[in-house]
PDB file of N, CA and C in Angstrom:
ATOM      1  N   MET A   1      12.240  20.237  44.702  1.00  0.00           N
ATOM      2  CA  MET A   1      13.857  20.410  45.178  1.00  0.00           C
ATOM      3  C   MET A   1      14.989  20.489  44.012  1.00  0.00           C
ATOM      4  N   LYS A   2      15.873  21.473  45.118  1.00  0.00           N
ATOM      5  CA  LYS A   2      16.901  21.517  43.945  1.00  0.00           C
ATOM      6  C   LYS A   2      18.031  20.270  43.288  1.00  0.00           C
ATOM      7  N   ILE A   3      19.135  20.610  42.843  1.00  0.00           N
ATOM      8  CA  ILE A   3      19.532  19.970  42.428  1.00  0.00           C
ATOM      9  C   ILE A   3      20.507  19.199  43.716  1.00  0.00           C
ATOM     10  N   LYS A   4      21.151  20.956  43.620  1.00  0.00           N
ATOM     11  CA  LYS A   4      22.080  19.949  44.858  1.00  0.00           C
ATOM     12  C   LYS A   4      21.925  19.846  46.151  1.00  0.00           C
ATOM     13  N   GLU A   5      20.137  19.542  46.464  1.00  0.00           N
ATOM     14  CA  GLU A   5      19.622  19.288  48.224  1.00  0.00           C
ATOM     15  C   GLU A   5      19.398  17.398  47.436  1.00  0.00           C
ATOM     16  N   GLN A   6      19.124  17.495  46.408  1.00  0.00           N
ATOM     17  CA  GLN A   6      19.063  16.268  45.603  1.00  0.00           C
ATOM     18  C   GLN A   6      20.188  15.360  45.384  1.00  0.00           C
ATOM     19  N   ILE A   7      21.344  16.077  45.464  1.00  0.00           N
ATOM     20  CA  ILE A   7      22.166  15.341  45.708  1.00  0.00           C
ATOM     21  C   ILE A   7      23.161  15.268  46.987  1.00  0.00           C
ATOM     22  N   LEU A   8      22.761  15.960  48.135  1.00  0.00           N
ATOM     23  CA  LEU A   8      23.007  15.815  49.497  1.00  0.00           C
ATOM     24  C   LEU A   8      22.333  14.898  49.725  1.00  0.00           C
ATOM     25  N   ILE A   9      21.305  14.583  49.503  1.00  0.00           N
ATOM     26  CA  ILE A   9      20.465  13.974  50.204  1.00  0.00           C
ATOM     27  C   ILE A   9      20.846  12.245  49.446  1.00  0.00           C
ATOM     28  N   PHE A  10      21.009  12.004  48.552  1.00  0.00           N
ATOM     29  CA  PHE A  10      21.315  10.596  47.838  1.00  0.00           C
ATOM     30  C   PHE A  10      22.857  10.110  48.318  1.00  0.00           C
ATOM     31  N   GLY A  11      24.193  11.573  48.694  1.00  0.00           N
ATOM     32  CA  GLY A  11      25.176  10.897  48.872  1.00  0.00           C
ATOM     33  C   GLY A  11      24.642  10.397  50.379  1.00  0.00           C
ATOM     34  N   GLY A  12      24.251  11.515  50.987  1.00  0.00           N
ATOM     35  CA  GLY A  12      23.472  11.264  52.600  1.00  0.00           C
ATOM     36  C   GLY A  12      23.467   9.787  53.126  1.00  0.00           C
ATOM     37  N   LEU A  13      22.198   9.362  52.131  1.00  0.00           N
ATOM     38  CA  LEU A  13      21.891   7.922  52.072  1.00  0.00           C
ATOM     39  C   LEU A  13      22.504   6.729  51.595  1.00  0.00           C
ATOM     40  N   ALA A  14      23.518   6.898  50.718  1.00  0.00           N
ATOM     41  CA  ALA A  14      24.657   6.121  50.148  1.00  0.00           C
ATOM     42  C   ALA A  14      25.667   5.698  51.358  1.00  0.00           C
ATOM     43  N   LEU A  15      26.303   6.950  52.493  1.00  0.00           N
ATOM     44  CA  LEU A  15      27.128   6.834  52.920  1.00  0.00           C
ATOM     45  C   LEU A  15      26.714   6.104  54.154  1.00  0.00           C
ATOM     46  N   PHE A  16      25.156   6.342  55.069  1.00  0.00           N
ATOM     47  CA  PHE A  16      24.502   5.831  55.448  1.00  0.00           C
ATOM     48  C   PHE A  16      24.743   3.944  55.150  1.00  0.00           C
ATOM     49  N   PHE A  17      24.041   3.461  54.110  1.00  0.00           N
ATOM     50  CA  PHE A  17      24.294   2.197  53.530  1.00  0.00           C
ATOM     51  C   PHE A  17      25.539   1.678  53.683  1.00  0.00           C
ATOM     52  N   PHE A  18      26.837   2.859  53.227  1.00  0.00           N
ATOM     53  CA  PHE A  18      28.226   2.228  53.915  1.00  0.00           C
ATOM     54  C   PHE A  18      28.681   1.757  54.682  1.00  0.00           C
ATOM     55  N   VAL A  19      28.208   2.846  55.584  1.00  0.00           N
ATOM     56  CA  VAL A  19      28.223   2.306  57.324  1.00  0.00           C
ATOM     57  C   VAL A  19      27.654   1.232  57.744  1.00  0.00           C
ATOM     58  N   VAL A  20      26.679   1.234  57.545  1.00  0.00           N
ATOM     59  CA  VAL A  20      26.097   0.262  58.620  1.00  0.00           C
ATOM     60  C   VAL A  20      26.040  -1.199  57.870  1.00  0.00           C
ATOM     61  N   THR A  21      26.589  -1.358  56.373  1.00  0.00           N
ATOM     62  CA  THR A  21      26.881  -2.817  55.816  1.00  0.00           C
ATOM     63  C   THR A  21      28.057  -3.029  56.052  1.00  0.00           C
ATOM     64  N   TYR A  22      29.353  -1.795  56.146  1.00  0.00           N
ATOM     65  CA  TYR A  22      30.594  -2.451  56.255  1.00  0.00           C
ATOM     66  C   TYR A  22      30.720  -3.081  57.435  1.00  0.00           C
ATOM     67  N   ALA A  23      30.111  -3.483  58.607  1.00  0.00           N
ATOM     68  CA  ALA A  23      30.530  -4.592  59.430  1.00  0.00           C
ATOM     69  C   ALA A  23      30.618  -5.921  58.370  1.00  0.00           C
ATOM     70  N   PHE A  24      29.741  -5.933  57.283  1.00  0.00           N
ATOM     71  CA  PHE A  24      28.995  -7.708  56.858  1.00  0.00           C
ATOM     72  C   PHE A  24      30.165  -7.409  56.157  1.00  0.00           C
ATOM     73  N   TRP A  25      30.521  -6.526  55.090  1.00  0.00           N
ATOM     74  CA  TRP A  25      31.706  -6.703  53.801  1.00  0.00           C
ATOM     75  C   TRP A  25      33.140  -7.369  54.829  1.00  0.00           C
ATOM     76  N   GLN A  26      33.324  -6.910  56.031  1.00  0.00           N
ATOM     77  CA  GLN A  26      34.737  -6.699  56.487  1.00  0.00           C
ATOM     78  C   GLN A  26      34.482  -8.521  57.405  1.00  0.00           C
ATOM     79  N   GLU A  27      33.418  -8.704  57.577  1.00  0.00           N
ATOM     80  CA  GLU A  27      33.091  -9.962  58.402  1.00  0.00           C
ATOM     81  C   GLU A  27      34.007 -11.518  57.335  1.00  0.00           C
ATOM     82  N   GLY A  28      32.841 -10.741  56.077  1.00  0.00           N
ATOM     83  CA  GLY A  28      33.747 -11.811  54.119  1.00  0.00           C
ATOM     84  C   GLY A  28      35.225 -11.004  54.204  1.00  0.00           C
ATOM     85  N   GLU A  29      35.589 -10.832  54.642  1.00  0.00           N
ATOM     86  CA  GLU A  29      37.168 -10.645  54.277  1.00  0.00           C
ATOM     87  C   GLU A  29      37.948 -11.087  55.320  1.00  0.00           C
ATOM     88  N   ALA A  30      37.654 -11.127  56.655  1.00  0.00           N
ATOM     89  CA  ALA A  30      38.054 -11.973  57.720  1.00  0.00           C
ATOM     90  C   ALA A  30      38.436 -13.399  57.568  1.00  0.00           C
ATOM     91  N   LYS A  31      37.200 -14.208  56.677  1.00  0.00           N
ATOM     92  CA  LYS A  31      37.194 -15.577  56.894  1.00  0.00           C
ATOM     93  C   LYS A  31      38.716 -15.900  56.213  1.00  0.00           C
ATOM     94  N   LYS A  32      39.390 -15.220  54.905  1.00  0.00           N
ATOM     95  CA  LYS A  32      40.563 -15.032  54.489  1.00  0.00           C
ATOM     96  C   LYS A  32      41.659 -15.542  55.510  1.00  0.00           C
ATOM     97  N   ILE A  33      41.135 -15.005  56.314  1.00  0.00           N
ATOM     98  CA  ILE A  33      42.557 -15.380  56.926  1.00  0.00           C
ATOM     99  C   ILE A  33      42.900 -16.455  57.181  1.00  0.00           C
ATOM    100  N   ARG A  34      44.161 -17.222  57.486  1.00  0.00           N
ATOM    101  CA  ARG A  34      44.146 -18.531  57.927  1.00  0.00           C
ATOM    102  C   ARG A  34      43.292 -18.411  59.432  1.00  0.00           C
ATOM    103  N   THR A  35      43.848 -19.582  59.990  1.00  0.00           N
ATOM    104  CA  THR A  35      43.697 -19.648  61.664  1.00  0.00           C
ATOM    105  C   THR A  35      44.820 -19.717  62.170  1.00  0.00           C
ATOM    106  N   PRO A  36      44.402 -19.628  63.151  1.00  0.00           N
ATOM    107  CA  PRO A  36      46.280 -19.440  64.079  1.00  0.00           C
ATOM    108  C   PRO A  36      46.788 -21.276  64.254  1.00  0.00           C
ATOM    109  N   VAL A  37      47.820 -20.783  64.166  1.00  0.00           N
ATOM    110  CA  VAL A  37      48.458 -21.819  64.389  1.00  0.00           C
ATOM    111  C   VAL A  37      49.794 -22.499  65.496  1.00  0.00           C
ATOM    112  N   ALA A  38      49.240 -23.812  65.821  1.00  0.00           N
ATOM    113  CA  ALA A  38      50.605 -23.713  67.164  1.00  0.00           C
ATOM    114  C   ALA A  38      51.463 -24.055  66.892  1.00  0.00           C
ATOM    115  N   LYS A  39      52.032 -23.517  68.541  1.00  0.00           N
ATOM    116  CA  LYS A  39      53.559 -23.387  68.601  1.00  0.00           C
ATOM    117  C   LYS A  39      54.262 -23.999  68.377  1.00  0.00           C
ATOM    118  N   SER A  40      54.185 -25.192  68.234  1.00  0.00           N
ATOM    119  CA  SER A  40      55.654 -26.238  67.505  1.00  0.00           C
ATOM    120  C   SER A  40      54.965 -27.602  66.682  1.00  0.00           C
ATOM    121  N   SER A  41      55.887 -27.364  66.294  1.00  0.00           N
ATOM    122  CA  SER A  41      55.794 -29.012  65.046  1.00  0.00           C
ATOM    123  C   SER A  41      54.704 -29.683  65.465  1.00  0.00           C
ATOM    124  N   SER A  42      54.793 -30.317  64.220  1.00  0.00           N
ATOM    125  CA  SER A  42      53.061 -31.707  64.211  1.00  0.00           C
ATOM    126  C   SER A  42      53.703 -32.806  64.864  1.00  0.00           C
ATOM    127  N   GLU A  43      55.313 -33.375  65.246  1.00  0.00           N
ATOM    128  CA  GLU A  43      56.260 -34.237  65.815  1.00  0.00           C
ATOM    129  C   GLU A  43      56.064 -34.158  66.798  1.00  0.00           C
ATOM    130  N   HIS A  44      55.275 -33.304  67.526  1.00  0.00           N
ATOM    131  CA  HIS A  44      55.590 -32.910  68.743  1.00  0.00           C
ATOM    132  C   HIS A  44      53.746 -33.703  69.631  1.00  0.00           C
ATOM    133  N   CYS A  45      52.684 -33.470  68.667  1.00  0.00           N
ATOM    134  CA  CYS A  45      51.623 -33.253  68.304  1.00  0.00           C
ATOM    135  C   CYS A  45      51.148 -34.782  68.679  1.00  0.00           C
ATOM    136  N   ILE A  46      49.965 -35.340  68.987  1.00  0.00           N
ATOM    137  CA  ILE A  46      49.749 -36.981  68.812  1.00  0.00           C
ATOM    138  C   ILE A  46      49.759 -37.524  67.653  1.00  0.00           C
ATOM    139  N   GLU A  47      48.880 -36.411  67.055  1.00  0.00           N
ATOM    140  CA  GLU A  47      48.551 -36.601  65.326  1.00  0.00           C
ATOM    141  C   GLU A  47      49.283 -35.724  64.557  1.00  0.00           C
ATOM    142  N   SER A  48      48.946 -35.593  63.531  1.00  0.00           N
ATOM    143  CA  SER A  48      49.646 -34.347  62.512  1.00  0.00           C
ATOM    144  C   SER A  48      48.594 -33.519  62.473  1.00  0.00           C
ATOM    145  N   ARG A  49      49.389 -32.780  62.113  1.00  0.00           N
ATOM    146  CA  ARG A  49      49.001 -31.203  62.056  1.00  0.00           C
ATOM    147  C   ARG A  49      47.480 -31.369  61.607  1.00  0.00           C
ATOM    148  N   GLU A  50      46.935 -31.866  60.071  1.00  0.00           N
ATOM    149  CA  GLU A  50      45.827 -31.609  59.271  1.00  0.00           C
ATOM    150  C   GLU A  50      45.265 -32.682  60.169  1.00  0.00           C
ATOM    151  N   TYR A  51      45.243 -34.051  60.715  1.00  0.00           N
ATOM    152  CA  TYR A  51      44.224 -34.567  61.811  1.00  0.00           C
ATOM    153  C   TYR A  51      44.197 -33.745  62.732  1.00  0.00           C
ATOM    154  N   MET A  52      44.562 -33.500  63.515  1.00  0.00           N
ATOM    155  CA  MET A  52      44.551 -32.694  64.670  1.00  0.00           C
ATOM    156  C   MET A  52      43.302 -31.374  64.057  1.00  0.00           C
ATOM    157  N   ARG A  53      43.127 -30.558  62.957  1.00  0.00           N
ATOM    158  CA  ARG A  53      42.785 -29.963  62.405  1.00  0.00           C
ATOM    159  C   ARG A  53      41.232 -30.111  62.799  1.00  0.00           C
ATOM    160  N   GLU A  54      41.188 -31.401  62.165  1.00  0.00           N
ATOM    161  CA  GLU A  54      39.785 -32.202  61.446  1.00  0.00           C
ATOM    162  C   GLU A  54      39.118 -32.233  62.912  1.00  0.00           C
ATOM    163  N   ASN A  55      39.649 -33.534  63.325  1.00  0.00           N
ATOM    164  CA  ASN A  55      39.336 -34.235  64.281  1.00  0.00           C
ATOM    165  C   ASN A  55      39.876 -34.089  65.791  1.00  0.00           C
ATOM    166  N   HIS A  56      40.338 -32.952  66.265  1.00  0.00           N
ATOM    167  CA  HIS A  56      40.831 -32.872  67.885  1.00  0.00           C
ATOM    168  C   HIS A  56      39.178 -32.979  68.215  1.00  0.00           C
ATOM    169  N   MET A  57      38.265 -32.802  67.830  1.00  0.00           N
ATOM    170  CA  MET A  57      36.937 -32.410  68.803  1.00  0.00           C
ATOM    171  C   MET A  57      36.673 -34.518  68.946  1.00  0.00           C
ATOM    172  N   LEU A  58      36.517 -34.954  68.432  1.00  0.00           N
ATOM    173  CA  LEU A  58      36.782 -36.372  68.188  1.00  0.00           C
ATOM    174  C   LEU A  58      37.687 -37.285  69.371  1.00  0.00           C
ATOM    175  N   VAL A  59      39.471 -36.906  69.275  1.00  0.00           N
ATOM    176  CA  VAL A  59      40.231 -37.186  70.008  1.00  0.00           C
ATOM    177  C   VAL A  59      39.751 -36.787  71.724  1.00  0.00           C
ATOM    178  N   LEU A  60      39.401 -35.543  72.019  1.00  0.00           N
ATOM    179  CA  LEU A  60      39.231 -34.715  72.784  1.00  0.00           C
ATOM    180  C   LEU A  60      37.800 -35.652  74.428  1.00  0.00           C
ATOM    181  N   ASP A  61      36.821 -35.999  73.144  1.00  0.00           N
ATOM    182  CA  ASP A  61      35.628 -36.717  73.389  1.00  0.00           C
ATOM    183  C   ASP A  61      35.898 -37.908  73.718  1.00  0.00           C
ATOM    184  N   ASP A  62      36.586 -38.562  72.477  1.00  0.00           N
ATOM    185  CA  ASP A  62      37.119 -40.278  73.114  1.00  0.00           C
ATOM    186  C   ASP A  62      37.853 -39.689  74.212  1.00  0.00           C
ATOM    187  N   TRP A  63      39.287 -38.685  74.394  1.00  0.00           N
ATOM    188  CA  TRP A  63      40.072 -38.949  76.106  1.00  0.00           C
ATOM    189  C   TRP A  63      38.609 -39.046  77.238  1.00  0.00           C
ATOM    190  N   ARG A  64      37.891 -37.929  76.846  1.00  0.00           N
ATOM    191  CA  ARG A  64      37.129 -37.670  78.422  1.00  0.00           C
ATOM    192  C   ARG A  64      36.393 -39.134  78.517  1.00  0.00           C
ATOM    193  N   LYS A  65      35.696 -39.499  77.694  1.00  0.00           N
ATOM    194  CA  LYS A  65      34.824 -41.123  77.677  1.00  0.00           C
ATOM    195  C   LYS A  65      36.268 -41.773  78.070  1.00  0.00           C
ATOM    196  N   SER A  66      37.174 -41.960  77.983  1.00  0.00           N
ATOM    197  CA  SER A  66      38.169 -43.357  77.832  1.00  0.00           C
ATOM    198  C   SER A  66      38.731 -42.634  79.671  1.00  0.00           C
ATOM    199  N   SER A  67      38.763 -41.637  79.714  1.00  0.00           N
ATOM    200  CA  SER A  67      39.582 -41.552  80.815  1.00  0.00           C
ATOM    201  C   SER A  67      38.533 -41.158  82.506  1.00  0.00           C
ATOM    202  N   VAL A  68      37.657 -40.609  81.771  1.00  0.00           N
ATOM    203  CA  VAL A  68      36.153 -40.761  83.108  1.00  0.00           C
ATOM    204  C   VAL A  68      35.917 -42.166  83.003  1.00  0.00           C
ATOM    205  N   ARG A  69      35.104 -42.537  82.225  1.00  0.00           N
ATOM    206  CA  ARG A  69      34.610 -43.620  82.026  1.00  0.00           C
ATOM    207  C   ARG A  69      36.090 -45.245  83.351  1.00  0.00           C
ATOM    208  N   LYS A  70      36.711 -45.058  82.326  1.00  0.00           N
ATOM    209  CA  LYS A  70      37.311 -46.508  82.624  1.00  0.00           C
ATOM    210  C   LYS A  70      38.719 -46.319  82.548  1.00  0.00           C
ATOM    211  N   GLY A  71      38.981 -44.886  83.790  1.00  0.00           N
ATOM    212  CA  GLY A  71      39.481 -44.763  83.962  1.00  0.00           C
ATOM    213  C   GLY A  71      41.359 -44.989  83.244  1.00  0.00           C
ATOM    214  N   ASP A  72      41.607 -44.933  81.729  1.00  0.00           N
ATOM    215  CA  ASP A  72      42.261 -44.869  81.079  1.00  0.00           C
ATOM    216  C   ASP A  72      42.839 -43.570  81.147  1.00  0.00           C
ATOM    217  N   ARG A  73      43.890 -43.442  81.771  1.00  0.00           N
ATOM    218  CA  ARG A  73      44.170 -42.033  80.977  1.00  0.00           C
ATOM    219  C   ARG A  73      45.888 -41.919  80.340  1.00  0.00           C
ATOM    220  N   ILE A  74      46.538 -42.761  80.141  1.00  0.00           N
ATOM    221  CA  ILE A  74      47.688 -42.447  78.855  1.00  0.00           C
ATOM    222  C   ILE A  74      46.620 -42.892  77.295  1.00  0.00           C
ATOM    223  N   HIS A  75      47.396 -42.268  76.964  1.00  0.00           N
ATOM    224  CA  HIS A  75      47.241 -41.958  75.349  1.00  0.00           C
ATOM    225  C   HIS A  75      48.465 -42.819  74.977  1.00  0.00           C
ATOM    226  N   VAL A  76      48.782 -44.633  73.612  1.00  0.00           N
ATOM    227  CA  VAL A  76      49.868 -44.807  73.058  1.00  0.00           C
ATOM    228  C   VAL A  76      48.987 -44.088  71.548  1.00  0.00           C
ATOM    229  N   THR A  77      50.611 -43.658  71.114  1.00  0.00           N
ATOM    230  CA  THR A  77      50.431 -43.451  69.848  1.00  0.00           C
ATOM    231  C   THR A  77      51.271 -44.509  68.839  1.00  0.00           C
ATOM    232  N   PRO A  78      50.116 -44.119  67.602  1.00  0.00           N
ATOM    233  CA  PRO A  78      50.921 -45.823  66.921  1.00  0.00           C
ATOM    234  C   PRO A  78      52.578 -45.536  66.928  1.00  0.00           C
ATOM    235  N   ASP A  79      53.394 -45.246  67.325  1.00  0.00           N
ATOM    236  CA  ASP A  79      54.543 -45.387  67.160  1.00  0.00           C
ATOM    237  C   ASP A  79      55.485 -45.213  68.560  1.00  0.00           C
ATOM    238  N   GLY A  80      54.392 -45.316  69.733  1.00  0.00           N
ATOM    239  CA  GLY A  80      55.195 -45.626  71.019  1.00  0.00           C
ATOM    240  C   GLY A  80      54.754 -44.722  72.358  1.00  0.00           C
ATOM    241  N   ARG A  81      54.913 -43.560  71.418  1.00  0.00           N
ATOM    242  CA  ARG A  81      54.645 -42.419  72.429  1.00  0.00           C
ATOM    243  C   ARG A  81      53.328 -41.896  73.475  1.00  0.00           C
ATOM    244  N   GLU A  82      53.984 -41.853  74.694  1.00  0.00           N
ATOM    245  CA  GLU A  82      52.569 -42.089  75.435  1.00  0.00           C
ATOM    246  C   GLU A  82      52.410 -40.544  75.742  1.00  0.00           C
ATOM    247  N   PHE A  83      51.268 -40.300  75.984  1.00  0.00           N
ATOM    248  CA  PHE A  83      50.618 -38.989  76.247  1.00  0.00           C
ATOM    249  C   PHE A  83      49.750 -39.087  77.625  1.00  0.00           C
ATOM    250  N   GLU A  84      49.571 -38.262  78.282  1.00  0.00           N
ATOM    251  CA  GLU A  84      48.332 -38.049  79.477  1.00  0.00           C
ATOM    252  C   GLU A  84      46.962 -37.483  78.348  1.00  0.00           C
ATOM    253  N   LYS A  85      45.945 -37.960  78.696  1.00  0.00           N
ATOM    254  CA  LYS A  85      44.409 -37.269  78.729  1.00  0.00           C
ATOM    255  C   LYS A  85      44.401 -36.459  79.450  1.00  0.00           C
ATOM    256  N   SER A  86      44.573 -35.362  79.014  1.00  0.00           N
ATOM    257  CA  SER A  86      44.517 -34.180  79.784  1.00  0.00           C
ATOM    258  C   SER A  86      44.825 -32.921  78.672  1.00  0.00           C
ATOM    259  N   LEU A  87      43.523 -31.533  78.877  1.00  0.00           N
ATOM    260  CA  LEU A  87      43.990 -30.637  78.565  1.00  0.00           C
ATOM    261  C   LEU A  87      45.305 -30.301  78.456  1.00  0.00           C
ATOM    262  N   LYS A  88      45.928 -30.492  80.282  1.00  0.00           N
ATOM    263  CA  LYS A  88      47.298 -29.551  80.191  1.00  0.00           C
ATOM    264  C   LYS A  88      48.219 -30.527  78.918  1.00  0.00           C
ATOM    265  N   THR A  89      48.146 -31.760  78.255  1.00  0.00           N
ATOM    266  CA  THR A  89      48.808 -32.217  77.196  1.00  0.00           C
ATOM    267  C   THR A  89      48.486 -30.939  76.293  1.00  0.00           C
ATOM    268  N   CYS A  90      48.245 -30.717  75.431  1.00  0.00           N
ATOM    269  CA  CYS A  90      47.315 -29.590  74.699  1.00  0.00           C
ATOM    270  C   CYS A  90      48.447 -28.405  74.944  1.00  0.00           C
ATOM    271  N   PHE A  91      48.034 -27.899  76.087  1.00  0.00           N
ATOM    272  CA  PHE A  91      48.631 -26.686  76.551  1.00  0.00           C
ATOM    273  C   PHE A  91      49.612 -26.767  76.511  1.00  0.00           C
ATOM    274  N   GLU A  92      50.069 -27.848  76.651  1.00  0.00           N
ATOM    275  CA  GLU A  92      51.873 -27.119  76.611  1.00  0.00           C
ATOM    276  C   GLU A  92      52.196 -27.177  74.903  1.00  0.00           C
ATOM    277  N   CYS A  93      51.897 -27.074  74.290  1.00  0.00           N
ATOM    278  CA  CYS A  93      52.489 -26.557  73.306  1.00  0.00           C
ATOM    279  C   CYS A  93      51.401 -25.277  72.425  1.00  0.00           C
ATOM    280  N   HIS A  94      50.219 -25.433  73.517  1.00  0.00           N
ATOM    281  CA  HIS A  94      49.466 -24.298  72.285  1.00  0.00           C
ATOM    282  C   HIS A  94      49.054 -23.509  73.268  1.00  0.00           C
ATOM    283  N   GLY A  95      49.626 -23.240  74.270  1.00  0.00           N
ATOM    284  CA  GLY A  95      49.703 -22.409  76.013  1.00  0.00           C
ATOM    285  C   GLY A  95      48.395 -22.121  76.032  1.00  0.00           C
ATOM    286  N   SER A  96      47.566 -21.861  76.407  1.00  0.00           N
ATOM    287  CA  SER A  96      46.045 -21.800  77.117  1.00  0.00           C
ATOM    288  C   SER A  96      44.990 -21.471  76.813  1.00  0.00           C
ATOM    289  N   ARG A  97      43.828 -21.777  77.630  1.00  0.00           N
ATOM    290  CA  ARG A  97      42.378 -21.448  76.686  1.00  0.00           C
ATOM    291  C   ARG A  97      42.706 -20.235  75.242  1.00  0.00           C
ATOM    292  N   GLY A  98      43.211 -19.523  75.748  1.00  0.00           N
ATOM    293  CA  GLY A  98      43.504 -18.385  74.990  1.00  0.00           C
ATOM    294  C   GLY A  98      43.684 -18.538  73.002  1.00  0.00           C
ATOM    295  N   PHE A  99      44.219 -20.166  73.160  1.00  0.00           N
ATOM    296  CA  PHE A  99      44.617 -20.798  71.763  1.00  0.00           C
ATOM    297  C   PHE A  99      42.861 -21.368  71.498  1.00  0.00           C
ATOM    298  N   CYS A 100      42.379 -21.966  71.940  1.00  0.00           N
ATOM    299  CA  CYS A 100      41.100 -22.138  72.120  1.00  0.00           C
ATOM    300  C   CYS A 100      40.131 -21.279  71.816  1.00  0.00           C
ATOM    301  N   VAL A 101      40.318 -20.598  72.143  1.00  0.00           N
ATOM    302  CA  VAL A 101      38.879 -19.548  71.793  1.00  0.00           C
ATOM    303  C   VAL A 101      38.730 -18.584  70.528  1.00  0.00           C
ATOM    304  N   ASN A 102      40.764 -18.648  70.663  1.00  0.00           N
ATOM    305  CA  ASN A 102      40.359 -18.022  69.171  1.00  0.00           C
ATOM    306  C   ASN A 102      40.213 -18.768  67.285  1.00  0.00           C
ATOM    307  N   CYS A 103      40.628 -20.240  67.902  1.00  0.00           N
ATOM    308  CA  CYS A 103      40.765 -20.827  66.927  1.00  0.00           C
ATOM    309  C   CYS A 103      38.730 -20.963  66.276  1.00  0.00           C
ATOM    310  N   HIS A 104      37.865 -21.035  68.077  1.00  0.00           N
ATOM    311  CA  HIS A 104      36.711 -21.403  67.678  1.00  0.00           C
ATOM    312  C   HIS A 104      36.075 -19.936  67.499  1.00  0.00           C
ATOM    313  N   SER A 105      36.607 -18.464  68.093  1.00  0.00           N
ATOM    314  CA  SER A 105      36.120 -17.729  67.054  1.00  0.00           C
ATOM    315  C   SER A 105      35.948 -17.444  65.678  1.00  0.00           C
ATOM    316  N   TYR A 106      36.957 -17.884  65.007  1.00  0.00           N
ATOM    317  CA  TYR A 106      37.356 -17.806  63.922  1.00  0.00           C
ATOM    318  C   TYR A 106      36.292 -18.747  62.829  1.00  0.00           C
ATOM    319  N   ALA A 107      36.171 -20.081  63.923  1.00  0.00           N
ATOM    320  CA  ALA A 107      35.213 -20.678  63.130  1.00  0.00           C
ATOM    321  C   ALA A 107      33.747 -21.193  63.472  1.00  0.00           C
ATOM    322  N   SER A 108      33.767 -19.664  64.529  1.00  0.00           N
ATOM    323  CA  SER A 108      32.307 -19.720  65.181  1.00  0.00           C
ATOM    324  C   SER A 108      30.929 -21.022  65.888  1.00  0.00           C
ATOM    325  N   ALA A 109      32.319 -21.458  66.599  1.00  0.00           N
ATOM    326  CA  ALA A 109      31.782 -22.778  67.051  1.00  0.00           C
ATOM    327  C   ALA A 109      32.345 -22.732  68.676  1.00  0.00           C
ATOM    328  N   ARG A 110      31.458 -23.107  69.351  1.00  0.00           N
ATOM    329  CA  ARG A 110      30.850 -23.296  70.915  1.00  0.00           C
ATOM    330  C   ARG A 110      31.748 -24.627  71.894  1.00  0.00           C
ATOM    331  N   PRO A 111      32.785 -24.408  71.771  1.00  0.00           N
ATOM    332  CA  PRO A 111      33.622 -25.443  72.815  1.00  0.00           C
ATOM    333  C   PRO A 111      32.998 -25.835  74.055  1.00  0.00           C
ATOM    334  N   ASN A 112      32.768 -26.680  74.549  1.00  0.00           N
ATOM    335  CA  ASN A 112      32.154 -27.163  76.245  1.00  0.00           C
ATOM    336  C   ASN A 112      32.665 -27.562  77.027  1.00  0.00           C
ATOM    337  N   CYS A 113      34.626 -27.701  76.883  1.00  0.00           N
ATOM    338  CA  CYS A 113      35.353 -28.147  77.905  1.00  0.00           C
ATOM    339  C   CYS A 113      34.874 -27.251  78.915  1.00  0.00           C
ATOM    340  N   PHE A 114      35.026 -25.803  78.786  1.00  0.00           N
ATOM    341  CA  PHE A 114      35.517 -25.158  79.917  1.00  0.00           C
ATOM    342  C   PHE A 114      34.278 -24.408  81.192  1.00  0.00           C
ATOM    343  N   GLY A 115      33.293 -25.631  80.409  1.00  0.00           N
ATOM    344  CA  GLY A 115      31.824 -26.031  81.923  1.00  0.00           C
ATOM    345  C   GLY A 115      32.797 -26.255  82.999  1.00  0.00           C
ATOM    346  N   CYS A 116      33.462 -27.175  82.822  1.00  0.00           N
ATOM    347  CA  CYS A 116      33.750 -27.814  83.393  1.00  0.00           C
ATOM    348  C   CYS A 116      35.584 -27.767  84.391  1.00  0.00           C
ATOM    349  N   HIS A 117      35.970 -27.060  83.129  1.00  0.00           N
ATOM    350  CA  HIS A 117      37.623 -27.335  83.097  1.00  0.00           C
ATOM    351  C   HIS A 117      38.070 -25.478  83.002  1.00  0.00           C
ATOM    352  N   GLN A 118      39.149 -25.115  84.538  1.00  0.00           N
ATOM    353  CA  GLN A 118      39.242 -23.712  84.561  1.00  0.00           C
ATOM    354  C   GLN A 118      40.357 -23.839  83.751  1.00  0.00           C
ATOM    355  N   GLU A 119      40.620 -22.288  83.817  1.00  0.00           N
ATOM    356  CA  GLU A 119      41.628 -21.685  82.796  1.00  0.00           C
ATOM    357  C   GLU A 119      43.034 -22.853  83.357  1.00  0.00           C
ATOM    358  N   MET A 120      43.770 -23.142  82.512  1.00  0.00           N
ATOM    359  CA  MET A 120      45.544 -24.149  82.717  1.00  0.00           C
ATOM    360  C   MET A 120      46.885 -23.164  82.841  1.00  0.00           C
TER     361      MET A 120
END
């Protein structure tokens, strides 16, 4: 084999390797991007932004259980504010299902809310 042929073969292999692995490199870069943020400040939410980022799934699960099983449909915050236990309450500030989908896609999580709840 001539040197030019070897250079072309190894160059082609290097290019092929780069193209095949490019998506994996970009996935690592995407994780550095911050998650989407709510449209409103935390003073309008039932809890602080930090709390909700870590515990929203527990809050929604508690809301579901107490609302459906016990008929308790009002959430009262420690400072006395009242909220309806509904996804509509969340969507008043966070927009629509798209907000949930963006965050859950970023976190590689699969919410089960929309098996029952339709687009609101």
